[in-house]
Protein backbone atom coordinates (compact mmCIF):
# COMPACT_ATOMS: atom_id res chain seq x y z
CA MET A 1 17.84 -167.88 50.12
CA PRO A 2 21.50 -168.76 49.81
CA ASP A 3 23.03 -168.10 46.92
CA ALA A 4 24.30 -171.85 46.67
CA LEU A 5 20.76 -173.02 46.88
CA SER A 6 19.31 -170.77 44.33
CA LYS A 7 21.94 -170.50 41.94
CA THR A 8 25.45 -172.63 42.43
CA ILE A 9 23.83 -176.06 42.54
CA PRO A 10 21.36 -175.13 39.86
CA ILE A 11 24.14 -174.33 37.58
CA TRP A 12 26.52 -177.35 38.35
CA CYS A 13 22.93 -179.58 37.78
CA ASN A 14 22.78 -178.02 34.29
CA VAL A 15 26.11 -178.62 33.72
CA LEU A 16 26.77 -181.84 34.49
CA ASN A 17 23.11 -182.90 32.70
CA THR A 18 24.79 -181.61 29.66
CA LEU A 19 28.11 -182.85 29.79
CA LEU A 20 26.52 -186.39 31.18
CA PHE A 21 23.82 -186.88 28.91
CA PRO A 22 24.24 -185.16 25.67
CA ASP A 23 21.34 -187.18 24.13
CA LEU A 24 18.81 -185.96 26.80
CA PRO A 25 18.14 -182.61 25.48
CA ASP A 26 15.21 -181.98 28.03
CA SER A 27 17.64 -182.49 30.73
CA HIS A 28 19.68 -179.64 29.81
CA THR A 29 17.14 -176.91 30.93
CA LEU A 30 18.18 -174.73 33.61
CA PHE A 31 16.05 -174.62 36.59
CA THR A 32 16.35 -171.50 39.37
CA PRO A 33 13.21 -170.81 42.30
CA PRO A 34 11.52 -168.04 40.43
CA GLN A 35 10.69 -166.66 43.74
CA VAL A 36 14.34 -165.92 44.30
CA VAL A 37 15.95 -165.62 40.66
CA SER A 38 14.19 -163.28 38.72
CA ARG A 39 14.04 -163.55 34.86
CA SER A 40 16.27 -161.33 34.19
CA GLU A 41 19.08 -162.88 36.32
CA HIS A 42 18.15 -166.53 35.14
CA ALA A 43 18.69 -165.11 31.68
CA GLN A 44 22.31 -163.72 32.31
CA ILE A 45 22.88 -167.34 33.93
CA GLU A 46 22.19 -169.30 30.86
CA SER A 47 24.12 -167.20 28.76
CA ARG A 48 27.27 -167.92 30.99
CA LEU A 49 26.63 -171.87 30.88
CA PRO A 50 28.23 -172.50 27.49
CA ASN A 51 31.13 -171.05 28.81
CA PHE A 52 31.37 -173.43 31.91
CA ILE A 53 30.50 -176.50 29.86
CA LYS A 54 33.23 -175.52 27.32
CA ALA A 55 35.69 -175.77 29.98
CA PHE A 56 34.39 -178.88 31.32
CA GLU A 57 34.82 -180.58 27.65
CA VAL A 58 38.77 -179.77 27.31
CA LEU A 59 39.71 -181.43 30.46
CA PRO A 60 41.96 -184.54 30.81
CA LEU A 61 40.11 -186.85 32.40
CA THR A 62 42.39 -188.50 35.03
CA PHE A 63 40.85 -188.43 38.45
CA LEU A 64 38.00 -189.82 39.67
CA PRO A 65 35.43 -188.86 42.35
CA ALA A 66 33.95 -191.99 44.37
CA SER A 67 30.42 -191.22 43.73
CA SER A 68 27.87 -188.94 43.05
CA ARG A 69 27.44 -187.50 46.40
CA CYS A 70 31.15 -186.69 46.33
CA THR A 71 30.78 -185.18 43.01
CA LEU A 72 28.16 -182.71 44.40
CA ARG A 73 30.25 -182.00 47.31
CA ILE A 74 33.34 -180.91 45.34
CA VAL A 75 31.45 -178.84 42.92
CA ALA A 76 29.09 -176.97 45.05
CA GLU A 77 31.74 -176.12 47.63
CA LEU A 78 34.45 -175.10 45.05
CA ARG A 79 31.44 -172.67 43.26
CA ALA A 80 30.70 -172.27 39.82
CA ARG A 81 32.68 -169.28 39.53
CA ALA A 82 35.86 -171.17 40.12
CA ASN A 83 37.99 -172.52 37.33
CA ILE A 84 36.64 -175.77 36.77
CA GLN A 85 39.52 -177.14 34.91
CA ALA A 86 41.28 -177.36 38.58
CA LEU A 87 38.70 -180.42 39.28
CA GLN A 88 39.51 -182.71 36.16
CA LEU A 89 36.13 -185.05 36.59
CA PRO A 90 36.28 -187.85 34.38
CA LEU A 91 33.38 -187.98 32.27
CA GLU A 92 33.08 -191.68 31.10
CA ASP A 93 33.66 -192.94 34.78
CA LEU A 94 30.84 -190.68 36.05
CA ARG A 95 28.27 -192.07 33.46
CA LYS A 96 28.97 -195.43 34.77
CA LYS A 97 27.83 -194.46 38.06
CA LEU A 98 25.31 -191.59 37.03
CA THR A 99 22.65 -192.79 35.29
CA LYS A 100 19.90 -190.12 35.41
CA PRO A 101 20.03 -186.30 35.27
CA PHE A 102 19.92 -184.17 38.57
CA ARG A 103 16.69 -181.95 38.95
CA PRO A 104 17.29 -179.24 41.89
CA LEU A 105 14.21 -178.91 43.97
CA TRP A 106 13.63 -176.20 46.69
CA VAL A 107 12.07 -176.42 49.99
CA THR A 108 11.43 -173.51 52.09
CA PRO A 109 8.76 -172.61 55.14
CA ASP A 110 6.96 -170.53 52.04
CA ALA A 111 6.85 -173.45 49.75
CA PRO A 112 6.99 -176.88 51.88
CA PHE A 113 7.67 -180.15 50.57
CA PRO A 114 4.29 -182.12 49.35
CA PRO A 115 3.10 -184.07 52.16
CA ALA A 116 2.36 -186.98 50.01
CA PRO A 117 5.40 -188.79 48.25
CA LEU A 118 6.86 -187.37 45.32
CA VAL A 119 7.40 -188.95 42.19
CA LEU A 120 9.93 -188.06 40.30
CA GLU A 121 10.80 -190.78 37.63
CA GLY A 122 13.98 -190.33 35.76
CA VAL A 123 15.95 -187.75 37.41
CA TYR A 124 18.03 -187.66 40.84
CA PRO A 125 16.33 -184.97 42.95
CA VAL A 126 18.85 -182.25 44.53
CA ILE A 127 16.99 -180.99 47.45
CA CYS A 128 17.43 -177.31 48.37
CA CYS A 129 16.46 -176.91 51.74
CA THR A 130 16.13 -173.65 53.86
CA ALA A 131 14.48 -172.83 57.15
CA SER A 132 14.23 -169.29 56.46
CA ARG A 133 11.17 -167.86 55.00
CA ARG A 134 11.42 -165.05 52.46
CA VAL A 135 11.00 -161.21 53.98
CA GLU A 136 10.44 -158.80 51.23
CA GLY A 137 12.69 -155.78 50.70
CA ALA A 138 14.77 -157.11 53.78
CA GLU A 139 17.94 -158.77 54.97
CA ALA A 140 17.70 -158.17 58.62
CA TRP A 141 16.31 -160.79 60.90
CA ASP A 142 12.50 -160.41 61.06
CA GLY A 143 11.07 -163.64 62.81
CA GLY A 144 12.73 -165.80 60.76
CA GLY A 145 13.91 -164.05 57.56
CA TYR A 146 17.21 -165.13 55.93
CA ILE A 147 20.33 -163.24 57.23
CA GLN A 148 23.27 -163.29 54.81
CA GLY A 149 26.02 -165.47 56.00
CA ALA A 150 24.31 -166.25 59.18
CA GLY A 151 24.97 -170.09 58.75
CA ASP A 152 28.97 -169.27 58.03
CA ASP A 153 31.09 -170.77 60.69
CA ALA A 154 29.23 -173.35 62.10
CA GLU A 155 31.78 -174.36 64.86
CA SER A 156 31.35 -171.02 66.76
CA TRP A 157 27.30 -171.93 67.38
CA ALA A 158 26.72 -175.80 66.63
CA HIS A 159 28.67 -177.46 69.22
CA GLY A 160 29.79 -180.07 67.24
CA LEU A 161 26.61 -180.76 65.32
CA THR A 162 26.76 -182.13 61.74
CA PRO A 163 24.10 -183.11 59.42
CA ALA A 164 25.07 -186.74 59.80
CA LEU A 165 25.41 -186.45 63.53
CA PHE A 166 21.94 -185.05 63.84
CA TRP A 167 20.23 -187.70 61.41
CA ALA A 168 21.65 -190.32 63.46
CA ASN A 169 20.25 -189.00 66.38
CA SER A 170 17.44 -186.75 65.04
CA GLU A 171 14.81 -188.32 67.51
CA LEU A 172 16.71 -187.84 70.57
CA LEU A 173 17.25 -184.29 69.72
CA LEU A 174 14.35 -183.31 68.73
CA ARG A 175 12.49 -184.33 71.79
CA THR A 176 15.18 -182.93 73.63
CA ARG A 177 14.27 -179.22 75.37
CA GLU A 178 16.93 -176.36 74.01
CA GLU A 179 18.40 -175.64 76.81
CA GLU A 180 19.88 -179.05 77.12
CA LEU A 181 20.94 -179.50 73.95
CA PRO A 182 24.30 -178.10 73.91
CA LEU A 183 25.34 -180.45 76.03
CA LEU A 184 23.73 -183.39 74.54
CA ILE A 185 25.17 -182.46 71.37
CA GLU A 186 28.87 -182.24 72.66
CA LYS A 187 28.19 -185.44 74.09
CA LEU A 188 27.45 -187.46 70.96
CA ALA A 189 29.87 -185.30 68.81
CA ARG A 190 32.51 -186.86 71.37
CA GLU A 191 31.09 -190.37 71.61
CA GLU A 192 31.10 -190.05 67.63
CA GLN A 193 34.63 -189.33 67.42
CA ALA A 194 35.42 -191.83 70.00
CA GLY A 195 33.60 -194.84 68.21
CA SER A 196 33.94 -193.80 64.40
CA GLY A 197 36.24 -195.59 62.13
CA ASP A 198 38.69 -192.91 61.91
CA GLY A 199 38.64 -192.46 65.24
CA GLY A 200 39.02 -196.12 65.80
CA GLY A 201 42.46 -195.75 64.43
CA ASN A 202 42.08 -196.21 60.95
CA ALA A 203 43.30 -193.10 58.51
CA THR A 204 42.54 -192.12 54.90
CA LEU A 205 44.95 -192.31 51.82
CA ILE A 206 44.79 -189.44 49.56
CA LYS A 207 44.92 -190.56 46.34
CA PRO A 208 47.04 -190.78 43.75
CA THR A 209 49.16 -190.40 46.56
CA ALA A 210 50.94 -193.49 48.03
CA GLY A 211 51.97 -192.25 51.31
CA ALA A 212 49.63 -188.98 52.30
CA TYR A 213 46.99 -189.90 55.23
CA ILE A 214 44.49 -187.86 56.94
CA GLY A 215 43.25 -189.25 60.19
CA THR A 216 42.45 -187.91 64.28
CA THR A 217 44.29 -187.67 67.32
CA ASN A 218 42.71 -190.94 68.21
CA THR A 219 44.50 -192.43 65.02
CA ILE A 220 47.87 -191.78 66.63
CA LEU A 221 46.97 -194.06 69.70
CA SER A 222 46.37 -196.80 67.61
CA PRO A 223 48.72 -199.79 67.75
CA THR A 224 49.73 -199.47 64.08
CA SER A 225 50.49 -196.06 63.97
CA LYS A 226 53.79 -196.72 65.38
CA THR A 227 54.93 -198.88 62.17
CA GLN A 228 52.54 -197.55 59.74
CA TYR A 229 53.69 -193.28 59.84
CA ASP A 230 57.01 -192.27 59.69
CA LEU A 231 56.47 -188.76 60.19
CA ILE A 232 53.24 -187.29 62.40
CA VAL A 233 51.81 -183.86 62.33
CA ILE A 234 49.38 -183.09 64.84
CA CYS A 235 47.22 -180.19 65.09
CA SER A 236 45.74 -180.55 68.71
CA GLU A 237 46.01 -178.42 72.01
CA THR A 238 46.46 -181.88 73.87
CA ASP A 239 50.19 -182.55 75.05
CA VAL A 240 52.01 -184.39 72.06
CA GLN A 241 53.48 -186.79 74.76
CA ASP A 242 50.15 -188.12 75.68
CA LEU A 243 48.89 -188.08 71.96
CA ALA A 244 52.49 -190.00 71.01
CA LYS A 245 53.17 -191.90 73.95
CA GLY A 246 55.44 -194.98 73.16
CA ALA A 247 55.85 -193.52 69.35
CA ASP A 248 59.13 -193.59 68.02
CA LYS A 249 58.62 -191.74 65.13
CA LYS A 250 59.42 -187.89 64.03
CA VAL A 251 56.28 -186.06 65.33
CA LEU A 252 55.60 -182.49 65.03
CA ASN A 253 52.56 -180.78 67.35
CA LEU A 254 51.49 -177.64 65.98
CA ARG A 255 49.77 -177.27 69.34
CA CYS A 256 46.53 -175.63 67.30
CA GLY A 257 42.86 -174.91 69.02
CA SER A 258 39.59 -175.38 67.36
CA GLY A 259 37.59 -173.13 65.37
CA LYS A 260 39.03 -169.67 64.26
CA LEU A 261 41.56 -169.26 66.29
CA GLY A 262 42.98 -172.49 65.40
CA SER A 263 43.16 -171.71 61.94
CA ARG A 264 44.79 -168.28 62.50
CA HIS A 265 47.06 -170.31 64.35
CA LEU A 266 47.93 -172.94 62.05
CA ARG A 267 48.58 -170.08 59.47
CA LYS A 268 51.42 -169.34 61.82
CA GLU A 269 52.52 -172.92 61.96
CA LEU A 270 52.42 -174.53 58.37
CA TYR A 271 56.01 -172.99 58.32
CA LYS A 272 57.19 -175.83 60.80
CA VAL A 273 56.02 -178.38 58.61
CA LYS A 274 57.31 -177.09 55.50
CA GLU A 275 60.87 -176.84 56.91
CA LEU A 276 60.32 -180.37 58.56
CA ILE A 277 59.72 -182.20 55.13
CA ALA A 278 61.90 -180.12 53.38
CA SER A 279 64.62 -181.29 55.79
CA ARG A 280 63.90 -185.19 55.15
CA VAL A 281 66.39 -186.60 53.12
CA ASP A 282 64.30 -189.95 53.05
CA ILE A 283 61.28 -188.52 52.72
CA GLN A 284 60.48 -190.13 49.65
CA LYS A 285 59.96 -193.65 50.91
CA THR A 286 58.15 -191.66 54.12
CA THR A 287 54.13 -192.52 54.87
CA MET A 288 52.81 -189.00 56.16
CA LEU A 289 49.96 -189.05 59.02
CA CYS A 290 48.10 -185.43 59.45
CA ALA A 291 45.90 -185.33 62.23
CA CYS A 292 43.54 -183.20 64.08
CA PRO A 293 40.74 -184.01 66.88
CA THR A 294 38.23 -184.25 63.83
CA GLY A 295 40.31 -185.41 60.48
CA LYS A 296 37.66 -183.41 58.83
CA ASP A 297 39.69 -179.55 59.38
CA LEU A 298 42.63 -178.44 60.29
CA ALA A 299 44.49 -181.67 59.40
CA VAL A 300 42.85 -181.42 55.61
CA GLY A 301 44.77 -178.00 55.82
CA VAL A 302 47.96 -179.20 56.95
CA ALA A 303 47.84 -182.01 54.12
CA LEU A 304 46.77 -179.59 51.23
CA MET A 305 49.48 -177.38 52.12
CA VAL A 306 51.89 -180.36 51.63
CA LEU A 307 50.21 -181.93 48.80
CA CYS A 308 50.83 -178.83 46.89
CA LEU A 309 54.28 -178.00 47.94
CA PHE A 310 55.96 -181.62 47.96
CA PHE A 311 53.81 -183.37 45.20
CA ASP A 312 53.36 -183.86 41.40
CA ASP A 313 50.32 -183.70 39.59
CA GLU A 314 50.63 -187.60 39.62
CA GLY A 315 50.77 -187.85 42.83
CA ARG A 316 54.34 -188.42 43.04
CA PHE A 317 56.79 -187.10 46.10
CA VAL A 318 59.22 -184.94 44.22
CA GLY A 319 60.23 -182.74 47.00
CA LEU A 320 60.35 -179.00 47.63
CA GLN A 321 59.29 -177.22 44.49
CA GLN A 322 60.92 -173.93 44.76
CA SER A 323 60.22 -172.27 41.55
CA LEU A 324 56.57 -173.73 41.31
CA THR A 325 53.74 -170.91 40.71
CA ILE A 326 51.16 -171.96 42.94
CA ASP A 327 47.29 -170.00 42.52
CA LYS A 328 44.02 -170.73 43.52
CA GLN A 329 43.23 -172.95 40.71
CA PHE A 330 46.03 -175.13 41.73
CA ILE A 331 45.27 -175.39 44.92
CA ARG A 332 41.19 -176.22 43.85
CA HIS A 333 43.10 -179.09 42.13
CA ARG A 334 44.72 -180.42 45.05
CA LEU A 335 42.17 -180.11 47.27
CA SER A 336 40.12 -182.15 44.80
CA TRP A 337 42.05 -184.93 45.36
CA ILE A 338 41.16 -184.84 49.47
CA MET A 339 37.40 -184.26 48.86
CA ALA A 340 37.36 -187.30 46.51
CA SER A 341 39.01 -189.35 48.98
CA LYS A 342 37.77 -188.32 52.16
CA PRO A 343 34.14 -186.95 51.31
CA ASP A 344 33.67 -185.82 54.72
CA ALA A 345 36.64 -183.27 54.93
CA ASN A 346 34.99 -180.23 55.64
CA PRO A 347 38.21 -177.34 56.04
CA SER A 348 36.79 -174.12 57.36
CA ARG A 349 36.74 -171.04 55.14
CA SER A 350 39.34 -169.74 58.01
CA THR A 351 41.67 -172.96 57.44
CA LEU A 352 41.56 -172.75 53.49
CA GLN A 353 42.64 -168.76 53.77
CA ALA A 354 45.50 -169.86 56.32
CA VAL A 355 46.78 -172.41 53.84
CA ASN A 356 46.29 -170.09 51.08
CA SER A 357 48.09 -167.48 52.92
CA VAL A 358 51.27 -169.33 53.12
CA LEU A 359 51.24 -171.29 49.41
CA MET A 360 50.60 -167.93 48.12
CA GLY A 361 53.74 -166.18 49.54
CA ARG A 362 51.35 -163.83 52.06
CA PRO A 363 53.02 -162.93 55.34
CA PRO A 364 51.62 -164.51 58.50
């Protein structure tokens, strides 16, 4: 079972429960799957929980992720080992939205979900599901055994399938023959992109800024893009003239592909974005759109770099901050702006590594 399911999510459930529900001591219990986490390791995790909670308690509570789903997404992806201060979660606002504690539950081939409806009164169940069965003493593939890292880099094997796309088309996918699935998934992914709100022309404002947006390449084709955005950065192999036909605004196409290769190319091209924005004297009044085919990966990387270099902690554009010290904690804080504003953002590890390399001074 991945550590994210057996340890990271249980840790965050415990930390959030302790902070959000101080008057419910029963909710402060740490739950881990005993078949995966030994008693000794469970005790070690428990001993570290006060430090996580203490770090949370001293935070300036100024930023609001919109929902419990968004909150869990942020904390799960930024990992429990990360510096929690980067998230700046507003506990009072969250208490108004989250009325019950979280309770992690695990579903595996060895411990399936009960066939009868499970009644869990007084808690929000957090279902941690894995399709891999436990193989004693081995991490190699053995008829469905868990392989460390096998689910990473989904862009290399999922053909564009996402959880939301699966559940929207689950019956069709499950009755389709395996050899026909890749073409079907790619077709559904294209239709989703073309028909989604973002793909149809809408972009997401990254709060607390007043002019930094993330969208898809289809956003550029919207009639409103010609007047709404003064600066457009595109991450697409499609020719920029085709994407921005008729637009009279400044357009920069980084010509990045998809997947890991696209993220590696982005690392080399981000300097162009930095130079372009730094050269714009009117940028304080400029609205900027960062776009890629999905609006969830490369565009997020571009926006993250821009937020780190050109915006202060209040979301105000202040120009290029030459003397600013940027570390991973700082980057996580800016990433939390994006994740709270756009919960479906899903930058790959390669994209985040590309941004980190540029921001922390490592050569391309």
